[in-house]
């Protein structure tokens, strides 16, 4: 019987599962042209390929587990950063900063990999839930600012985030510069509205 590396079998299995998910995320973050195979994940974790099948029956099951674990964590991070601010303008700017930080930390590269390789129907449903959840703090801040059309203004702010994200991912900007430019563009409107 293999030796467990935790106090209990359940803790050991949780550690192994986390290592597998971390390995899959790492492969996705590298931006290759192929999805993470179970063999590549096994190699990265130091587990036998057959051991991976104890946790995930297929590559699709593994990618869906990455989505299930990653999307709520991303949303919780953004919500926590927004909740640290009190004024509506500060909340909207915290939303921008949090999203750009996640892009700079590599989370967006993982999401791009998932978009390329995960089952479309599962990804579409999960992405809609994530985007709806992510937009809520921004929409609430824009409503509190008295914005005439918070949904459309939110779309414009998302466009700024998206463009700054592309610049971050291409290496054209460092995180601090991307955040500073986004703030320079958005702050006059957000502060003028409050």
C-alpha atoms as a PDB file:
ATOM      1  CA  UNK A   1       0.000   0.000   0.000  1.00  0.00           C
ATOM      2  CA  UNK A   2       1.408   3.451  -0.915  1.00  0.00           C
ATOM      3  CA  UNK A   3       2.447   5.654   1.958  1.00  0.00           C
ATOM      4  CA  UNK A   4       0.200   8.637   2.588  1.00  0.00           C
ATOM      5  CA  UNK A   5       1.758  12.035   3.115  1.00  0.00           C
ATOM      6  CA  UNK A   6      -0.793  13.522   5.505  1.00  0.00           C
ATOM      7  CA  UNK A   7      -2.370  12.796   8.870  1.00  0.00           C
ATOM      8  CA  UNK A   8      -5.370  11.077   7.273  1.00  0.00           C
ATOM      9  CA  UNK A   9      -6.226   9.432   3.987  1.00  0.00           C
ATOM     10  CA  UNK A  10      -8.778  12.179   3.320  1.00  0.00           C
ATOM     11  CA  UNK A  11      -6.144  14.896   3.837  1.00  0.00           C
ATOM     12  CA  UNK A  12      -3.719  12.984   1.617  1.00  0.00           C
ATOM     13  CA  UNK A  13      -6.318  12.728  -1.156  1.00  0.00           C
ATOM     14  CA  UNK A  14      -7.095  16.441  -0.832  1.00  0.00           C
ATOM     15  CA  UNK A  15      -3.382  17.264  -1.134  1.00  0.00           C
ATOM     16  CA  UNK A  16      -3.008  15.013  -4.180  1.00  0.00           C
ATOM     17  CA  UNK A  17      -6.088  16.524  -5.831  1.00  0.00           C
ATOM     18  CA  UNK A  18      -4.770  20.049  -5.196  1.00  0.00           C
ATOM     19  CA  UNK A  19      -1.384  19.095  -6.679  1.00  0.00           C
ATOM     20  CA  UNK A  20      -3.113  17.747  -9.784  1.00  0.00           C
ATOM     21  CA  UNK A  21      -5.210  20.905 -10.193  1.00  0.00           C
ATOM     22  CA  UNK A  22      -2.130  23.099  -9.626  1.00  0.00           C
ATOM     23  CA  UNK A  23      -0.244  21.153 -12.292  1.00  0.00           C
ATOM     24  CA  UNK A  24      -3.093  21.519 -14.785  1.00  0.00           C
ATOM     25  CA  UNK A  25      -3.314  25.264 -14.051  1.00  0.00           C
ATOM     26  CA  UNK A  26       0.445  25.556 -14.533  1.00  0.00           C
ATOM     27  CA  UNK A  27       0.280  23.873 -17.924  1.00  0.00           C
ATOM     28  CA  UNK A  28      -2.650  26.076 -18.973  1.00  0.00           C
ATOM     29  CA  UNK A  29      -0.810  29.215 -17.804  1.00  0.00           C
ATOM     30  CA  UNK A  30       2.118  28.363 -20.074  1.00  0.00           C
ATOM     31  CA  UNK A  31      -0.209  28.872 -23.036  1.00  0.00           C
ATOM     32  CA  UNK A  32       0.627  25.825 -25.090  1.00  0.00           C
ATOM     33  CA  UNK A  33      -1.295  24.758 -28.163  1.00  0.00           C
ATOM     34  CA  UNK A  34      -2.432  21.515 -26.544  1.00  0.00           C
ATOM     35  CA  UNK A  35      -4.633  20.949 -23.496  1.00  0.00           C
ATOM     36  CA  UNK A  36      -2.944  19.506 -20.435  1.00  0.00           C
ATOM     37  CA  UNK A  37      -2.908  15.740 -20.911  1.00  0.00           C
ATOM     38  CA  UNK A  38      -3.316  13.494 -17.914  1.00  0.00           C
ATOM     39  CA  UNK A  39       0.164  12.126 -18.663  1.00  0.00           C
ATOM     40  CA  UNK A  40       1.686  15.648 -18.563  1.00  0.00           C
ATOM     41  CA  UNK A  41      -0.155  16.417 -15.328  1.00  0.00           C
ATOM     42  CA  UNK A  42       1.028  13.141 -13.819  1.00  0.00           C
ATOM     43  CA  UNK A  43       4.622  13.905 -14.791  1.00  0.00           C
ATOM     44  CA  UNK A  44       4.438  17.380 -13.295  1.00  0.00           C
ATOM     45  CA  UNK A  45       2.993  16.105 -10.005  1.00  0.00           C
ATOM     46  CA  UNK A  46       5.283  13.093  -9.775  1.00  0.00           C
ATOM     47  CA  UNK A  47       2.316  10.745  -9.722  1.00  0.00           C
ATOM     48  CA  UNK A  48       1.723   7.732 -11.909  1.00  0.00           C
ATOM     49  CA  UNK A  49      -0.715   8.408 -14.740  1.00  0.00           C
ATOM     50  CA  UNK A  50      -2.990   5.704 -13.345  1.00  0.00           C
ATOM     51  CA  UNK A  51      -3.116   7.647 -10.066  1.00  0.00           C
ATOM     52  CA  UNK A  52      -4.549  10.666 -11.855  1.00  0.00           C
ATOM     53  CA  UNK A  53      -7.509   8.522 -12.939  1.00  0.00           C
ATOM     54  CA  UNK A  54      -8.380   7.997  -9.267  1.00  0.00           C
ATOM     55  CA  UNK A  55      -9.248  11.691  -9.170  1.00  0.00           C
ATOM     56  CA  UNK A  56     -10.333  12.527 -12.725  1.00  0.00           C
ATOM     57  CA  UNK A  57     -11.779  10.170 -15.325  1.00  0.00           C
ATOM     58  CA  UNK A  58     -10.710  12.260 -18.299  1.00  0.00           C
ATOM     59  CA  UNK A  59      -8.986  15.429 -19.416  1.00  0.00           C
ATOM     60  CA  UNK A  60     -12.408  17.075 -19.676  1.00  0.00           C
ATOM     61  CA  UNK A  61     -13.208  16.158 -16.072  1.00  0.00           C
ATOM     62  CA  UNK A  62      -9.894  17.687 -15.004  1.00  0.00           C
ATOM     63  CA  UNK A  63     -10.500  20.934 -16.920  1.00  0.00           C
ATOM     64  CA  UNK A  64     -13.989  21.229 -15.459  1.00  0.00           C
ATOM     65  CA  UNK A  65     -12.535  20.777 -11.971  1.00  0.00           C
ATOM     66  CA  UNK A  66     -10.079  23.610 -12.693  1.00  0.00           C
ATOM     67  CA  UNK A  67     -13.021  25.829 -13.709  1.00  0.00           C
ATOM     68  CA  UNK A  68     -15.039  24.872 -10.631  1.00  0.00           C
ATOM     69  CA  UNK A  69     -12.099  25.690  -8.359  1.00  0.00           C
ATOM     70  CA  UNK A  70     -10.771  28.772 -10.158  1.00  0.00           C
ATOM     71  CA  UNK A  71     -13.811  30.855 -11.093  1.00  0.00           C
ATOM     72  CA  UNK A  72     -15.256  31.260  -7.569  1.00  0.00           C
ATOM     73  CA  UNK A  73     -11.762  32.024  -6.221  1.00  0.00           C
ATOM     74  CA  UNK A  74     -11.320  34.747  -8.869  1.00  0.00           C
ATOM     75  CA  UNK A  75     -14.711  36.267  -8.040  1.00  0.00           C
ATOM     76  CA  UNK A  76     -14.052  36.095  -4.288  1.00  0.00           C
ATOM     77  CA  UNK A  77     -10.735  37.896  -4.747  1.00  0.00           C
ATOM     78  CA  UNK A  78     -12.364  40.733  -6.699  1.00  0.00           C
ATOM     79  CA  UNK A  79     -15.252  40.987  -4.222  1.00  0.00           C
ATOM     80  CA  UNK A  80     -12.851  41.132  -1.266  1.00  0.00           C
ATOM     81  CA  UNK A  81     -10.799  43.936  -2.839  1.00  0.00           C
ATOM     82  CA  UNK A  82     -13.952  45.918  -3.642  1.00  0.00           C
ATOM     83  CA  UNK A  83     -15.305  45.370  -0.124  1.00  0.00           C
ATOM     84  CA  UNK A  84     -12.152  46.955   1.318  1.00  0.00           C
ATOM     85  CA  UNK A  85     -13.181  50.289  -0.229  1.00  0.00           C
ATOM     86  CA  UNK A  86     -16.093  52.341   1.040  1.00  0.00           C
ATOM     87  CA  UNK A  87     -16.756  55.175  -1.408  1.00  0.00           C
ATOM     88  CA  UNK A  88     -18.404  54.139  -4.703  1.00  0.00           C
ATOM     89  CA  UNK A  89     -15.578  55.582  -6.827  1.00  0.00           C
ATOM     90  CA  UNK A  90     -12.995  53.735  -4.740  1.00  0.00           C
ATOM     91  CA  UNK A  91     -15.028  50.533  -5.081  1.00  0.00           C
ATOM     92  CA  UNK A  92     -15.097  50.837  -8.878  1.00  0.00           C
ATOM     93  CA  UNK A  93     -11.345  51.531  -8.977  1.00  0.00           C
ATOM     94  CA  UNK A  94     -10.695  48.588  -6.641  1.00  0.00           C
ATOM     95  CA  UNK A  95     -12.629  46.433  -9.096  1.00  0.00           C
ATOM     96  CA  UNK A  96     -10.347  47.553 -11.928  1.00  0.00           C
ATOM     97  CA  UNK A  97      -7.190  47.063  -9.849  1.00  0.00           C
ATOM     98  CA  UNK A  98      -8.255  43.595  -8.682  1.00  0.00           C
ATOM     99  CA  UNK A  99      -8.982  42.367 -12.179  1.00  0.00           C
ATOM    100  CA  UNK A 100      -5.705  43.704 -13.533  1.00  0.00           C
ATOM    101  CA  UNK A 101      -3.826  42.098 -10.660  1.00  0.00           C
ATOM    102  CA  UNK A 102      -5.368  38.730 -11.488  1.00  0.00           C
ATOM    103  CA  UNK A 103      -4.336  39.126 -15.110  1.00  0.00           C
ATOM    104  CA  UNK A 104      -0.793  40.074 -14.094  1.00  0.00           C
ATOM    105  CA  UNK A 105      -0.598  37.068 -11.775  1.00  0.00           C
ATOM    106  CA  UNK A 106      -1.362  34.681 -14.653  1.00  0.00           C
ATOM    107  CA  UNK A 107      -4.968  33.824 -13.840  1.00  0.00           C
ATOM    108  CA  UNK A 108      -6.232  35.205 -17.138  1.00  0.00           C
ATOM    109  CA  UNK A 109      -3.811  33.010 -19.092  1.00  0.00           C
ATOM    110  CA  UNK A 110      -5.351  30.002 -17.363  1.00  0.00           C
ATOM    111  CA  UNK A 111      -8.829  31.238 -18.271  1.00  0.00           C
ATOM    112  CA  UNK A 112      -7.723  31.617 -21.912  1.00  0.00           C
ATOM    113  CA  UNK A 113      -6.416  28.058 -21.881  1.00  0.00           C
ATOM    114  CA  UNK A 114      -9.696  26.847 -20.452  1.00  0.00           C
ATOM    115  CA  UNK A 115     -11.568  28.763 -23.154  1.00  0.00           C
ATOM    116  CA  UNK A 116      -9.510  26.961 -25.784  1.00  0.00           C
ATOM    117  CA  UNK A 117      -9.730  23.436 -24.385  1.00  0.00           C
ATOM    118  CA  UNK A 118     -12.677  22.951 -22.019  1.00  0.00           C
ATOM    119  CA  UNK A 119     -16.055  21.599 -23.126  1.00  0.00           C
ATOM    120  CA  UNK A 120     -17.928  24.556 -24.609  1.00  0.00           C
ATOM    121  CA  UNK A 121     -21.262  24.021 -22.878  1.00  0.00           C
ATOM    122  CA  UNK A 122     -19.708  23.644 -19.424  1.00  0.00           C
ATOM    123  CA  UNK A 123     -17.399  26.612 -19.953  1.00  0.00           C
ATOM    124  CA  UNK A 124     -20.207  28.801 -21.305  1.00  0.00           C
ATOM    125  CA  UNK A 125     -22.420  28.144 -18.296  1.00  0.00           C
ATOM    126  CA  UNK A 126     -19.581  28.604 -15.783  1.00  0.00           C
ATOM    127  CA  UNK A 127     -18.309  31.731 -17.524  1.00  0.00           C
ATOM    128  CA  UNK A 128     -21.741  33.340 -17.465  1.00  0.00           C
ATOM    129  CA  UNK A 129     -22.052  32.693 -13.736  1.00  0.00           C
ATOM    130  CA  UNK A 130     -18.535  34.097 -13.157  1.00  0.00           C
ATOM    131  CA  UNK A 131     -19.077  37.193 -15.277  1.00  0.00           C
ATOM    132  CA  UNK A 132     -22.441  37.907 -13.686  1.00  0.00           C
ATOM    133  CA  UNK A 133     -20.905  37.542 -10.234  1.00  0.00           C
ATOM    134  CA  UNK A 134     -17.874  39.620 -11.187  1.00  0.00           C
ATOM    135  CA  UNK A 135     -19.965  42.429 -12.627  1.00  0.00           C
ATOM    136  CA  UNK A 136     -22.180  42.780  -9.547  1.00  0.00           C
ATOM    137  CA  UNK A 137     -19.717  44.823  -7.421  1.00  0.00           C
ATOM    138  CA  UNK A 138     -18.943  47.130 -10.352  1.00  0.00           C
ATOM    139  CA  UNK A 139     -22.609  47.592 -11.221  1.00  0.00           C
ATOM    140  CA  UNK A 140     -23.421  48.346  -7.567  1.00  0.00           C
ATOM    141  CA  UNK A 141     -20.641  50.944  -7.392  1.00  0.00           C
ATOM    142  CA  UNK A 142     -21.851  52.603 -10.600  1.00  0.00           C
ATOM    143  CA  UNK A 143     -25.446  52.697  -9.328  1.00  0.00           C
ATOM    144  CA  UNK A 144     -24.206  54.255  -6.059  1.00  0.00           C
ATOM    145  CA  UNK A 145     -22.354  56.864  -8.120  1.00  0.00           C
ATOM    146  CA  UNK A 146     -25.640  57.813  -9.764  1.00  0.00           C
ATOM    147  CA  UNK A 147     -24.517  56.705 -13.214  1.00  0.00           C
ATOM    148  CA  UNK A 148     -27.317  57.200 -15.783  1.00  0.00           C
ATOM    149  CA  UNK A 149     -26.678  53.844 -17.453  1.00  0.00           C
ATOM    150  CA  UNK A 150     -24.592  51.622 -15.151  1.00  0.00           C
ATOM    151  CA  UNK A 151     -24.748  48.593 -17.448  1.00  0.00           C
ATOM    152  CA  UNK A 152     -23.325  50.470 -20.435  1.00  0.00           C
ATOM    153  CA  UNK A 153     -20.770  52.316 -18.303  1.00  0.00           C
ATOM    154  CA  UNK A 154     -19.762  48.949 -16.844  1.00  0.00           C
ATOM    155  CA  UNK A 155     -19.201  47.662 -20.378  1.00  0.00           C
ATOM    156  CA  UNK A 156     -16.909  50.616 -21.109  1.00  0.00           C
ATOM    157  CA  UNK A 157     -14.948  49.990 -17.907  1.00  0.00           C
ATOM    158  CA  UNK A 158     -14.695  46.310 -18.856  1.00  0.00           C
ATOM    159  CA  UNK A 159     -13.277  47.412 -22.230  1.00  0.00           C
ATOM    160  CA  UNK A 160     -10.574  49.426 -20.437  1.00  0.00           C
ATOM    161  CA  UNK A 161      -9.769  46.385 -18.277  1.00  0.00           C
ATOM    162  CA  UNK A 162      -9.678  44.142 -21.337  1.00  0.00           C
ATOM    163  CA  UNK A 163      -7.327  46.446 -23.246  1.00  0.00           C
ATOM    164  CA  UNK A 164      -5.042  46.912 -20.256  1.00  0.00           C
ATOM    165  CA  UNK A 165      -5.087  43.125 -19.807  1.00  0.00           C
ATOM    166  CA  UNK A 166      -3.902  42.599 -23.359  1.00  0.00           C
ATOM    167  CA  UNK A 167      -1.091  45.085 -22.788  1.00  0.00           C
ATOM    168  CA  UNK A 168      -0.127  43.275 -19.576  1.00  0.00           C
ATOM    169  CA  UNK A 169      -0.144  39.864 -21.198  1.00  0.00           C
ATOM    170  CA  UNK A 170       1.901  41.042 -24.176  1.00  0.00           C
ATOM    171  CA  UNK A 171       4.541  42.465 -21.849  1.00  0.00           C
ATOM    172  CA  UNK A 172       3.946  46.014 -23.084  1.00  0.00           C
ATOM    173  CA  UNK A 173       3.069  47.152 -19.547  1.00  0.00           C
ATOM    174  CA  UNK A 174       3.918  46.103 -16.029  1.00  0.00           C
ATOM    175  CA  UNK A 175       1.030  45.685 -13.591  1.00  0.00           C
ATOM    176  CA  UNK A 176       1.591  48.997 -11.794  1.00  0.00           C
ATOM    177  CA  UNK A 177       1.747  50.932 -15.064  1.00  0.00           C
ATOM    178  CA  UNK A 178      -1.406  49.239 -16.389  1.00  0.00           C
ATOM    179  CA  UNK A 179      -3.271  50.043 -13.192  1.00  0.00           C
ATOM    180  CA  UNK A 180      -1.993  53.641 -13.223  1.00  0.00           C
ATOM    181  CA  UNK A 181      -3.101  54.181 -16.829  1.00  0.00           C
ATOM    182  CA  UNK A 182      -6.536  52.671 -16.190  1.00  0.00           C
ATOM    183  CA  UNK A 183      -6.934  54.903 -13.133  1.00  0.00           C
ATOM    184  CA  UNK A 184      -5.773  57.975 -15.068  1.00  0.00           C
ATOM    185  CA  UNK A 185      -8.461  57.310 -17.638  1.00  0.00           C
ATOM    186  CA  UNK A 186     -11.309  56.332 -15.297  1.00  0.00           C
ATOM    187  CA  UNK A 187     -10.710  58.354 -12.144  1.00  0.00           C
ATOM    188  CA  UNK A 188     -11.854  61.762 -13.496  1.00  0.00           C
ATOM    189  CA  UNK A 189     -15.234  60.300 -14.422  1.00  0.00           C
ATOM    190  CA  UNK A 190     -15.604  58.220 -11.247  1.00  0.00           C
ATOM    191  CA  UNK A 191     -14.537  61.038  -8.918  1.00  0.00           C
ATOM    192  CA  UNK A 192     -16.583  63.599 -10.846  1.00  0.00           C
ATOM    193  CA  UNK A 193     -19.691  61.446 -10.474  1.00  0.00           C
ATOM    194  CA  UNK A 194     -19.461  61.128  -6.704  1.00  0.00           C
END
